[in-house]
Protein backbone atom coordinates (compact mmCIF):
# COMPACT_ATOMS: atom_id res chain seq x y z
CA MET A 1 -22.14 -35.60 -65.55
CA ARG A 2 -23.69 -34.90 -62.18
CA GLY A 3 -20.90 -36.87 -60.49
CA LEU A 4 -18.28 -34.76 -62.22
CA ARG A 5 -19.94 -31.53 -61.07
CA PHE A 6 -20.09 -32.85 -57.52
CA LEU A 7 -16.37 -33.66 -57.51
CA VAL A 8 -15.51 -30.19 -58.85
CA MET A 9 -17.59 -28.49 -56.12
CA VAL A 10 -15.95 -30.59 -53.39
CA ALA A 11 -12.48 -29.72 -54.73
CA LEU A 12 -13.27 -25.99 -54.82
CA LEU A 13 -14.67 -26.13 -51.27
CA MET A 14 -11.54 -27.85 -49.96
CA MET A 15 -9.31 -25.29 -51.70
CA GLY A 16 -11.26 -22.44 -50.06
CA VAL A 17 -10.93 -23.97 -46.60
CA ALA A 18 -7.19 -24.43 -47.10
CA CYS A 19 -6.78 -20.80 -48.19
CA ASN A 20 -8.68 -19.52 -45.16
CA GLN A 21 -6.48 -21.47 -42.75
CA GLY A 22 -3.24 -19.81 -43.97
CA PRO A 23 0.21 -20.73 -42.69
CA ALA A 24 0.64 -22.18 -39.21
CA LYS A 25 1.37 -19.64 -36.47
CA ALA A 26 4.76 -19.66 -34.76
CA PRO A 27 4.78 -21.13 -31.25
CA VAL A 28 4.83 -18.74 -28.29
CA ILE A 29 7.94 -19.03 -26.06
CA GLY A 30 7.20 -16.25 -23.59
CA GLU A 31 5.29 -13.12 -22.66
CA ALA A 32 6.32 -9.46 -22.40
CA PHE A 33 4.88 -5.96 -22.20
CA ALA A 34 5.65 -2.83 -24.19
CA GLY A 35 7.85 -0.51 -22.17
CA PRO A 36 7.96 2.85 -24.04
CA VAL A 37 5.06 5.18 -24.59
CA THR A 38 4.78 3.85 -28.16
CA LEU A 39 6.66 0.91 -29.67
CA ASN A 40 6.87 0.21 -33.41
CA ILE A 41 6.75 -3.41 -34.55
CA ARG A 42 8.49 -3.80 -37.91
CA GLN A 43 8.23 -6.48 -40.53
CA GLU A 44 11.97 -7.21 -40.42
CA ILE A 45 14.83 -6.36 -38.05
CA SER A 46 16.06 -3.46 -40.18
CA LEU A 47 14.94 0.01 -39.09
CA LYS A 48 14.04 0.72 -42.73
CA SER A 49 11.54 -2.15 -42.70
CA PRO A 50 7.87 -1.08 -42.78
CA THR A 51 5.90 -0.91 -39.52
CA VAL A 52 3.21 -3.57 -39.20
CA ALA A 53 1.79 -2.37 -35.85
CA THR A 54 2.28 0.24 -33.11
CA VAL A 55 1.59 -0.71 -29.49
CA LYS A 56 1.38 1.44 -26.36
CA HIS A 57 2.98 1.17 -22.95
CA GLY A 58 1.70 -1.83 -21.01
CA ASP A 59 0.26 -3.70 -24.04
CA ARG A 60 0.72 -7.46 -23.79
CA LEU A 61 2.95 -9.12 -26.41
CA ALA A 62 3.71 -12.78 -27.17
CA ILE A 63 7.38 -13.59 -27.69
CA LEU A 64 8.05 -15.79 -30.73
CA GLN A 65 11.79 -15.58 -31.36
CA ILE A 66 14.95 -14.00 -29.93
CA ARG A 67 17.83 -12.91 -32.13
CA ARG A 68 20.53 -11.13 -30.15
CA ARG A 69 18.96 -7.88 -28.88
CA PHE A 70 15.93 -8.09 -31.20
CA THR A 71 12.72 -9.92 -30.40
CA ARG A 72 9.98 -11.19 -32.69
CA VAL A 73 6.60 -10.61 -31.07
CA ARG A 74 2.89 -10.97 -31.79
CA ALA A 75 0.50 -8.20 -30.77
CA GLU A 76 -2.99 -8.78 -29.44
CA ASN A 77 -4.45 -7.94 -32.87
CA GLY A 78 -2.40 -10.76 -34.42
CA ALA A 79 0.28 -8.61 -36.09
CA GLU A 80 3.75 -10.17 -35.96
CA GLY A 81 7.08 -8.42 -36.33
CA TRP A 82 10.40 -7.43 -34.80
CA CYS A 83 11.23 -4.86 -32.11
CA ASP A 84 14.11 -3.93 -29.82
CA GLY A 85 14.20 -6.39 -26.92
CA GLU A 86 15.56 -3.71 -24.57
CA LYS A 87 12.24 -1.88 -24.88
CA LEU A 88 10.25 -4.80 -23.47
CA LEU A 89 9.31 -5.51 -19.86
CA THR A 90 8.91 -8.91 -18.26
CA PRO A 91 5.75 -9.65 -16.26
CA GLU A 92 7.80 -9.29 -13.07
CA GLN A 93 9.05 -5.85 -14.15
CA MET A 94 5.53 -4.78 -15.05
CA ASP A 95 4.25 -5.85 -11.63
CA ARG A 96 7.09 -4.00 -9.94
CA LEU A 97 6.35 -0.86 -11.93
CA GLN A 98 2.71 -0.96 -10.87
CA ALA A 99 3.70 -1.57 -7.25
CA THR A 100 6.09 1.38 -7.44
CA ASN A 101 3.26 3.65 -8.56
CA GLU A 102 1.08 2.46 -5.69
CA VAL A 103 3.80 2.98 -3.07
CA ALA A 104 4.97 6.27 -4.61
CA ALA A 105 1.47 7.69 -4.29
CA LYS A 106 1.86 7.51 -0.49
CA LEU A 107 5.48 8.69 -0.20
CA PRO A 108 6.14 12.18 1.19
CA SER A 109 7.29 14.70 -1.40
CA GLN A 110 10.78 16.13 -1.04
CA GLY A 111 9.85 19.22 -3.01
CA GLN A 112 8.57 20.23 -6.41
CA ALA A 113 10.83 20.47 -9.46
CA MET A 114 10.42 21.59 -13.05
CA VAL A 115 11.96 20.58 -16.38
CA TYR A 116 12.99 23.05 -19.06
CA ASP A 117 13.19 20.50 -21.87
CA VAL A 118 11.64 17.19 -22.91
CA LEU A 119 12.62 14.52 -20.38
CA ASN A 120 11.94 10.77 -20.33
CA ILE A 121 10.85 8.89 -17.21
CA HIS A 122 12.56 5.48 -17.08
CA THR A 123 11.62 2.25 -15.36
CA GLU A 124 15.13 1.90 -13.90
CA PRO A 125 17.90 4.42 -13.13
CA ASN A 126 19.61 3.83 -16.48
CA ARG A 127 19.69 5.91 -19.64
CA GLN A 128 18.89 2.90 -21.84
CA ALA A 129 16.06 1.55 -19.66
CA PRO A 130 12.55 1.70 -21.18
CA SER A 131 10.93 5.14 -20.86
CA PHE A 132 7.17 4.82 -20.32
CA HIS A 133 6.33 8.53 -19.94
CA GLN A 134 7.69 11.78 -21.33
CA LEU A 135 7.70 15.12 -19.55
CA LYS A 136 7.20 18.22 -21.66
CA GLU A 137 8.77 21.64 -21.23
CA ASN A 138 7.78 23.38 -17.97
CA ASP A 139 6.12 20.22 -16.60
CA LYS A 140 6.35 19.83 -12.82
CA VAL A 141 7.06 16.71 -10.78
CA GLU A 142 7.36 15.78 -7.10
CA ILE A 143 10.75 14.54 -5.89
CA LEU A 144 10.44 11.29 -3.93
CA GLY A 145 13.93 9.84 -3.66
CA HIS A 146 17.49 9.74 -4.94
CA ARG A 147 19.82 6.97 -6.08
CA LEU A 148 23.42 6.87 -7.28
CA ALA A 149 23.65 4.40 -10.18
CA PRO A 150 26.56 3.39 -12.44
CA ARG A 151 26.46 4.42 -16.07
CA VAL A 152 26.65 0.97 -17.65
CA PRO A 153 24.86 -0.65 -20.61
CA PHE A 154 21.33 -1.68 -19.77
CA GLN A 155 20.73 -5.44 -19.64
CA ALA A 156 17.25 -6.26 -20.89
CA ALA A 157 15.61 -8.89 -18.71
CA VAL A 158 13.56 -10.25 -21.63
CA THR A 159 16.67 -11.01 -23.68
CA GLN A 160 18.50 -12.56 -20.72
CA GLN A 161 15.52 -14.78 -19.95
CA PHE A 162 15.71 -16.68 -23.24
CA THR A 163 19.42 -16.45 -24.09
CA GLN A 164 22.10 -18.08 -21.98
CA PRO A 165 25.66 -17.02 -22.72
CA THR A 166 27.94 -19.91 -23.65
CA ALA A 167 31.70 -19.96 -23.82
CA THR A 168 32.62 -19.69 -27.49
CA PRO A 169 36.02 -21.25 -28.32
CA ALA A 170 38.46 -18.83 -29.85
CA PRO A 171 39.04 -19.46 -33.56
CA LYS A 172 42.31 -21.19 -34.37
CA LYS A 173 44.83 -19.03 -36.15
CA ARG A 174 46.25 -20.51 -39.31
CA ALA A 175 50.00 -21.00 -39.10
CA SER A 176 52.13 -19.18 -41.64
CA ARG A 177 54.60 -20.88 -43.94
CA LYS A 178 57.57 -19.77 -41.84
CA GLU A 179 55.99 -21.18 -38.67
CA LYS A 180 55.33 -24.47 -40.43
CA GLU A 181 58.96 -24.67 -41.56
CA LYS A 182 60.19 -23.97 -38.02
CA ALA A 183 57.90 -26.66 -36.64
CA LYS A 184 59.45 -29.33 -38.90
CA PRO A 185 62.24 -31.37 -37.24
CA GLU A 186 65.64 -30.64 -38.66
CA ALA A 187 67.13 -33.58 -40.52
CA LEU A 188 70.61 -33.13 -39.00
CA ASP A 189 72.75 -35.33 -36.78
CA LEU A 190 72.92 -33.39 -33.51
CA PRO A 191 75.69 -34.08 -30.97
CA PRO A 192 74.69 -35.85 -27.72
CA MET A 193 73.67 -33.77 -24.72
CA PRO A 194 76.49 -33.07 -22.21
CA ARG A 195 76.43 -34.69 -18.76
CA PRO A 196 75.05 -32.55 -15.88
CA PRO A 197 77.62 -31.04 -13.47
CA GLY A 198 78.32 -32.88 -10.23
CA PRO A 199 77.64 -31.64 -6.66
CA PRO A 200 80.08 -29.19 -5.04
CA PRO A 201 82.79 -30.61 -2.76
CA ASN A 202 81.26 -29.13 0.43
CA TRP A 203 77.73 -30.31 -0.30
CA LEU A 204 77.52 -31.97 3.16
CA GLU A 205 78.21 -28.70 4.98
CA LEU A 206 75.73 -26.84 2.82
CA SER A 207 73.01 -29.39 3.63
CA ARG A 208 73.42 -28.98 7.41
CA ARG A 209 70.79 -26.89 9.28
CA VAL A 210 72.03 -23.53 10.50
CA GLU A 211 70.55 -22.70 13.91
CA LEU A 212 70.19 -19.05 14.94
CA PRO A 213 70.76 -17.83 18.52
CA ASP A 214 67.74 -17.51 20.78
CA ASN A 215 67.79 -13.72 20.61
CA GLU A 216 67.77 -13.65 16.84
CA THR A 217 64.97 -14.48 14.50
CA LYS A 218 65.15 -15.17 10.85
CA PRO A 219 63.76 -12.18 8.98
CA THR A 220 60.59 -12.89 7.11
CA PRO A 221 60.94 -11.89 3.49
CA ALA A 222 58.47 -9.27 2.42
CA PRO A 223 55.88 -10.51 -0.06
CA ALA A 224 56.77 -9.50 -3.54
CA ALA A 225 54.37 -7.13 -5.21
CA PRO A 226 52.50 -8.74 -8.07
CA ALA A 227 54.02 -7.74 -11.34
CA LYS A 228 51.77 -5.78 -13.63
CA ASP A 229 51.03 -7.38 -16.91
CA PRO A 230 51.63 -4.73 -19.59
CA ALA A 231 49.37 -6.61 -21.99
CA LYS A 232 46.44 -6.50 -19.56
CA PRO A 233 44.89 -3.00 -19.39
CA GLU A 234 43.73 -1.64 -16.04
CA PRO A 235 39.95 -1.57 -15.56
CA GLU A 236 38.39 1.82 -16.16
CA ALA A 237 36.50 3.51 -13.34
CA VAL A 238 32.74 3.28 -13.73
CA ARG A 239 31.07 6.66 -13.99
CA MET A 240 28.27 7.22 -11.47
CA GLU A 241 25.15 9.31 -12.10
CA ASP A 242 22.54 10.86 -9.83
CA TRP A 243 18.95 9.75 -10.47
CA SER A 244 15.76 11.00 -8.85
CA LEU A 245 12.56 9.08 -8.27
CA VAL A 246 9.76 11.44 -9.32
CA ARG A 247 5.97 11.45 -9.42
CA SER A 248 4.28 13.22 -12.32
CA VAL A 249 1.00 15.12 -12.22
CA GLU A 250 -0.71 12.05 -13.72
CA GLY A 251 0.60 9.90 -10.84
CA ARG A 252 3.28 8.05 -12.83
CA ALA A 253 6.42 7.29 -10.82
CA GLY A 254 9.81 6.58 -12.34
CA TRP A 255 13.46 7.62 -12.60
CA VAL A 256 14.92 10.71 -14.28
CA LEU A 257 18.39 12.28 -14.35
CA THR A 258 18.74 14.60 -11.38
CA ARG A 259 20.75 17.20 -13.28
CA ALA A 260 17.79 17.78 -15.63
CA LEU A 261 15.57 18.98 -12.75
CA THR A 262 15.31 22.47 -11.26
CA MET A 263 13.65 23.07 -7.90
CA THR A 264 10.73 25.51 -8.01
CA ILE A 265 11.59 27.26 -4.75
CA PRO A 266 11.24 31.08 -5.23
CA ASP A 267 14.30 32.86 -6.61
CA GLU A 268 14.40 35.28 -3.67
CA VAL A 269 15.30 32.28 -1.49
CA ALA A 270 17.23 30.21 -4.04
CA GLN A 271 19.73 33.03 -4.47
CA TYR A 272 21.25 32.09 -1.11
CA ALA A 273 22.25 28.60 -2.28
CA GLU A 274 25.89 29.74 -2.65
CA GLY A 275 26.41 27.63 -5.75
CA HIS A 276 25.13 24.44 -4.10
CA ARG A 277 22.36 22.30 -5.54
CA ILE A 278 19.05 22.29 -3.66
CA THR A 279 17.99 18.68 -3.12
CA SER A 280 14.73 19.23 -1.22
CA TRP A 281 12.60 22.11 0.06
CA PHE A 282 9.45 22.57 2.15
CA PRO A 283 7.25 25.51 3.20
CA LEU A 284 7.18 25.82 7.01
CA GLY A 285 4.62 28.58 7.48
CA GLU A 286 3.73 32.08 6.34
CA VAL A 287 3.60 35.65 7.52
CA THR A 288 1.65 38.69 6.27
CA THR A 289 3.54 41.91 5.68
CA GLU A 290 2.25 45.43 6.36
CA GLU A 291 1.41 45.76 2.67
CA GLY A 292 -0.78 42.65 2.86
CA ALA A 293 1.62 40.38 0.96
CA VAL A 294 1.89 36.77 2.15
CA LYS A 295 5.45 35.47 2.53
CA LYS A 296 6.34 31.89 3.42
CA HIS A 297 9.08 30.44 5.61
CA TYR A 298 11.15 27.64 4.04
CA LEU A 299 13.28 24.64 4.92
CA TRP A 300 15.78 23.35 2.37
CA THR A 301 18.66 20.88 2.04
CA THR A 302 21.65 21.38 -0.25
CA ILE A 303 24.75 19.58 -1.50
CA PRO A 304 27.81 21.09 -3.24
CA ARG A 305 27.96 18.52 -6.04
CA GLY A 306 26.51 15.18 -7.07
CA GLY A 307 28.00 11.72 -7.02
CA ARG A 308 27.37 11.16 -3.29
CA GLU A 309 25.59 8.30 -1.57
CA PHE A 310 23.86 10.72 0.77
CA GLU A 311 21.34 13.36 -0.31
CA PHE A 312 22.55 16.53 1.45
CA ASP A 313 25.33 17.91 3.61
CA GLY A 314 23.62 21.12 4.73
CA LEU A 315 20.25 22.16 6.14
CA ARG A 316 18.83 25.66 6.46
CA VAL A 317 15.62 27.30 7.72
CA PHE A 318 14.69 30.66 6.19
CA ILE A 319 12.22 33.04 7.80
CA PHE A 320 10.84 36.21 6.26
CA ASN A 321 11.39 39.20 8.55
CA ALA A 322 8.30 41.34 7.96
CA ARG A 323 9.86 44.38 9.63
CA ARG A 324 13.08 44.28 7.60
CA LYS A 325 11.29 42.89 4.52
CA ARG A 326 13.89 40.24 3.77
CA TYR A 327 14.69 36.57 4.29
CA GLU A 328 16.98 35.62 7.17
CA THR A 329 18.49 32.38 8.44
CA ALA A 330 16.85 31.04 11.60
CA PHE A 331 18.58 27.65 11.79
CA ARG A 332 21.45 25.95 9.97
CA LEU A 333 23.37 22.67 9.96
CA ARG A 334 26.63 22.20 8.07
CA GLU A 335 29.01 19.34 7.24
CA VAL A 336 26.48 16.59 7.90
CA LYS A 337 25.46 13.49 5.97
CA GLY A 338 21.72 13.55 5.42
CA PHE A 339 19.45 11.03 3.75
CA PHE A 340 15.91 11.09 2.41
CA PRO A 341 13.16 11.24 3.47
CA SER A 342 12.75 14.61 5.14
CA ALA A 343 9.24 15.59 6.19
CA VAL A 344 7.27 18.53 7.61
CA HIS A 345 4.55 17.56 10.08
CA PRO A 346 2.83 18.85 13.23
CA VAL A 347 4.43 18.14 16.61
CA GLU A 348 3.26 18.63 20.18
CA VAL A 349 5.30 20.75 22.58
CA THR A 350 4.68 21.20 26.28
CA SER A 351 5.56 24.28 28.26
CA GLY A 352 4.66 23.91 31.94
CA LYS A 353 1.12 22.52 32.02
CA LYS A 354 0.20 23.74 28.55
CA THR A 355 0.52 21.52 25.49
CA SER A 356 0.22 22.97 22.02
CA THR A 357 0.62 21.73 18.46
CA VAL A 358 3.11 23.54 16.23
CA THR A 359 4.81 22.93 12.89
CA GLY A 360 7.79 20.60 13.00
CA PHE A 361 10.08 18.71 10.66
CA SER A 362 12.20 15.56 10.65
CA VAL A 363 15.50 14.79 8.93
CA VAL A 364 17.62 11.63 8.77
CA LEU A 365 21.30 12.22 9.61
CA GLU A 366 24.37 10.09 10.17
CA ASN A 367 25.78 10.34 13.68
CA PRO A 368 29.51 10.15 14.59
CA GLU A 369 29.20 6.39 15.20
CA GLY A 370 28.22 5.85 11.56
CA THR A 371 24.60 4.87 12.21
CA LEU A 372 21.53 6.77 11.06
CA GLU A 373 19.16 8.64 13.31
CA ARG A 374 16.03 10.69 12.75
CA ARG A 375 15.94 14.09 14.41
CA THR A 376 12.65 15.83 15.00
CA TYR A 377 12.58 19.63 15.38
CA ALA A 378 9.86 22.07 16.38
CA PHE A 379 9.46 25.37 14.53
CA GLU A 380 7.98 27.82 17.06
CA GLY A 381 7.59 31.29 15.67
CA TYR A 382 11.10 32.10 14.50
CA ARG A 383 12.87 29.53 16.71
CA VAL A 384 13.92 25.96 15.86
CA ARG A 385 14.28 23.49 18.74
CA LEU A 386 15.39 19.83 18.76
CA LEU A 387 12.73 17.58 20.28
CA THR A 388 13.70 13.93 19.86
CA THR A 389 16.29 11.65 18.31
CA SER A 390 15.44 8.08 17.32
CA PRO A 391 17.31 5.33 15.40
CA TRP A 392 16.67 4.97 11.70
CA GLU A 393 17.29 2.01 9.41
CA ARG A 394 17.13 1.67 5.64
CA LEU A 395 16.15 -1.51 3.86
CA ALA A 396 18.85 -3.69 2.34
CA ASP A 397 17.58 -3.25 -1.22
CA PRO A 398 18.79 0.19 -2.34
CA PHE A 399 16.14 0.31 -5.07
CA ASP A 400 13.21 -0.57 -2.83
CA VAL A 401 11.05 2.57 -2.67
CA LYS A 402 9.51 1.33 0.58
CA ALA A 403 12.81 2.19 2.29
CA MET A 404 11.93 5.86 1.98
CA ARG A 405 8.57 5.63 3.73
CA ILE A 406 8.30 6.99 7.26
CA THR A 407 7.04 4.05 9.29
CA LYS A 408 8.19 4.76 12.84
CA PRO A 409 5.72 6.63 15.07
CA PHE A 410 6.74 9.83 16.75
CA ASP A 411 7.48 9.95 20.47
CA PRO A 412 4.30 11.09 22.29
CA ASN A 413 6.48 12.76 24.96
CA ALA A 414 8.31 14.86 22.39
CA GLY A 415 8.64 18.49 23.38
CA LYS A 416 7.89 18.10 27.08
CA GLU A 417 10.23 20.14 29.20
CA LYS A 418 12.20 18.27 31.85
CA THR A 419 11.72 19.00 35.51
CA PHE A 420 14.41 20.58 37.69
CA TRP A 421 15.19 17.23 39.33
CA GLU A 422 15.58 15.47 35.93
CA ARG A 423 17.98 18.16 34.73
CA MET A 424 20.02 17.83 37.93
CA LYS A 425 20.30 14.06 37.44
CA GLU A 426 21.81 14.63 34.02
CA LYS A 427 24.39 17.08 35.36
CA VAL A 428 25.25 15.16 38.56
CA PRO A 429 25.68 11.42 37.77
CA PHE A 430 25.49 10.09 41.37
CA LEU A 431 22.00 11.61 41.83
CA SER A 432 20.60 9.22 39.20
CA GLN A 433 21.55 6.28 41.46
CA SER A 434 19.49 7.55 44.39
C-alpha cells in the first residue's frame, strides 16, 4: 500500500514539472528594435487579432520568423506575436540613429520652424520609414539640413536581411484544344520541296570588289534608331520630395517633409518673400527705436519652389531703419546656387591699425566653374562686406549629416585692408614680378 502511494506521488510530481516547462520556445534568428513611438505586437498577422504586448521606441526584440513583410518577434517580457517588419530597425540602423542625434546636437541651426498639424519624424527621408517621434500642433523645431529624396516604397532592412529574392519560374500556361490540334502533324502526303534558285548569270562581276577613287569615301550608314517595343511601357518618372533634417526641443533628430514646416521669422519681414519659400533665417543684430522697441536685423535665404538639389537661389539682409520705422534691404544676392550650412558668427575686421570684432555670416555657393566655395561676409552697422572666399567640399554620402558641419577654420587675416602697394600689384600685373 505504501509503495502504491509512493508511485502515485512520483507520477503527480512528474506531471507538475512537465506542465511548468510548457512548450519549447522558438529559436531566435535575429535581433531588431522597435522603430515607432509605440508598436503593437499581435497574436496573429491579421490586424483584427488581439494585441499581446505593446513596446516603445528602442525596445529590443528577438526575431523568430519572417513571413513576407510581417515579422514574428519576442519582447523582453517573453510575449510573442506578429508585427509589421517595416516598423523595425536593425542594430546598425539603431546605432546610426543614435549617432545622428549626437552629431545633430552640434550642428548649426538654419532657423526655427513650426508645424500647424501633427507631424511624424522619420528615421529616413521616406514616408513609410519608421517614425520614432511625433510633433504636435504649434511645436517648434530647428532646421539642420535638406535632402531631395525619391518617393519610392520603403525597403525594410530587417526583412531584406532574412529574405533573399529568388527567381520564380513563370507558371506554364495550359494549351487550349485548338492549339493542341494545330500542334498535331497533319496526316497528309505533302509534295516535295522545290529546288532553290541558281546564281545569277553575272555572279562573277557582282563578287568583284568595287574600288572608289581616292577623293571619295564610302558614306557610313547612320545607325538605325532602336525600335520602340509597343508592348514594353516606358518607365515612369520618379517623383522627388524635399525633406528636412530637424532637431526637436527634446533633442531628437530626424527627417520630416519640408512642405509641412513654416519658418517662424516675423511676418513683417516674411511679407517680402515675394511668393518664394524661406529655407533659412538668422538674426544679425538689433536696434532700439525712439519708442524703446527692440527691432532685429535678419538674414534669410529663399527658393522659388522645391525639387532642387541646392537649398536656395537668393540671399537677402534686412535692416530695420529706426528713423523711417520700416525694414529695408541692405544686401542681396540673386540667381545663385546655395547649399547648407549657412552660419552667423563673429569675424575680425581691421581698419588701419585698429582691429575689431563684428557680426559676420558665411554661406556656401557654387561658383561659375561648378565647384563650391564658402564666402564670409562682415555686417558692419548697415553695411555688408565680403571678407574671404575659401573652397568647400561635401562628403560623398549625401545622407551623412557630418557633411553639414563647419570644419574649416576661418582665415585669421580676414577683413584686413590691403596696402596701397598690394592694390597696385593687383591692377598692374608687371609690378607683382618686381
